[in-house]
Amino acid sequence: MIGSVRRLAAVIGLLAVSAVADAQPLPSWNDGPAKQAIVDFVAKVTTEDSPDFLAPQDRIAVFDNDGTLWPENPLPFQLMFALDELRRLAPDHPQWKQNPVIQAALDGDVAVLKKDLKKSLSEILKETHAGTTVDEFDQRVRDWLSTARHPRFDRPYNGLTYLPMQEVLAYLREHGFRTYIVSGGGKDFMRVWAEDTYGIPPEQVIGSMGPLQFEIRDGVPVLARQAGIDFIDDKEGKPVAIHRSIGRRPVAAFGNSDGDLAMLQWTTMTRSPSFGLIVHHTDPEREYAYDRDPASSGKLVTALEQSEQQGWVVVDMKRDWKTVFETTAASDGDMSLDATNWIAEDIGGRGVVDIAQSTLSFDQPNHVTGNTAVNRFSGPAKIDGRSLQLGPLATTRRAGPPALMDQENRFLKALSAVRSYRFDGQRKLLLLDEQGQVLVKLAQLDR
């Protein structure tokens, strides 16, 4: 149910963007050649009496992700996730220190990692995720996104998408385009959040892949992640991946680096009409400025040199974008637990029973009530800034099915260990232990 509500909210949000686009296309873009080129291209390929009209099935647009739809500094966000996972799991794996890449990661020696980002990411993912099921990996990514924040912008990573590019995605879809991500990042990593974040469903996410193995574990069929990388979706690999996954040549491609050069060439050099766009990072105050010598990834030399000859649009971030990131309506500091109601989406990384509702209500000052999924409970709540302690909690004493009783025990145990809380800006409440680890993730309920 929560997932359905989230998807409905995303659709409503995209419709709202489209409604604005009808009145003023791409409102976060400054008027100029870059914005006009996008509008003109869409008009000529979607107007039926135009000689450049394209049937809807041919309207395919592909987008790089890192540096094109969201930032890639100080490191690509998937590597930030892998580093956080490494630190979380390291105490249980002292042997990892024998691996120089892993040791550099644990020591925070970013310079060593930057020498070969793809190899570093592969090594870290091999140690932290080999053997996990795809469902377990998905949950780890969700947990990380719900708690991790960008070191410079202090916002959730999936709250740092470029608003002007979000408008391009919505504008294209409004005019019958199918939008795809084609990224060097991990396909499974992006599939977790791409639909909620960009409106791009998992089947339209193309990325690098690691090997998977089908297994039966405790009578349940699973796909288990294996060590290594099967395919790197970067540079010349991007056109190959597009052909394998889509079977049609795109008519529009959006990138930001030489890693996107082959995708831009594949899209634009052998067909007309077509459209290519490069996001040039020129804004160190609002985001970052780099091309030839990036801090981590995103080197842009050859594609930039070829842009004029090939007719690709080069977006000057500082000049062409009115704003870079969406302005949040309220910061965490403006939000309060007072008179709020919540339902658990995950307890201790093990999810919840679909038919069960474990709830928490801050219905009175310094007091909580709720339902464990079987029994009602109530008790004191001590709130001091972001510090939070609950209990002791008094409960009713009904018995229930084993699965629900297990959920009740996990929920009450987690509540007793809560020491702080945090919002993630998406109507989610995270209850944290003394180390700041997520104990319970809850979604807000309307009264």
Foldseek 3Di string as FASTA:
>chain_A
DVVVVLLVVLVVVLVVLVVVCVVPALVQWDDDDQVVVLVVVLVQQLPVPHPNHDDLLQAEEEEAPDPFFFHQPPHHVLVVLLLVLLCVCVVVPVVLCVDPLSVCSNVVVVVVCLVDVVVSSLVSCQVRAFFPFLVLVLLSLVQCQFFDADPPPRARRLQGTFVSVLSSLSNSVVSNYQYAYQYQDELSSCQSCCCSRRVHHSLRYHYWAFDWDWDQDPNRITIGGHRDTDDGRWQLNVVVRCCVRPVHAHQEYEEAANRCQNNQCSNQVPDPPGAYEHEAECDVVQGRHDECDDSHDRHHDVCVVCCVVRVYHYHDCVNTGNHTGDDAPDDQQVDDLEQWKKWFQDAPSPGADPVFTWMWHNDDPQKIWTQLSFWIKIFGWDDDRFFIATDPIDIDDDDDPPRSVVSSVRVNVLNRQFTGWTGNSQQKIFTAGPVRRGRTIIHTDDD
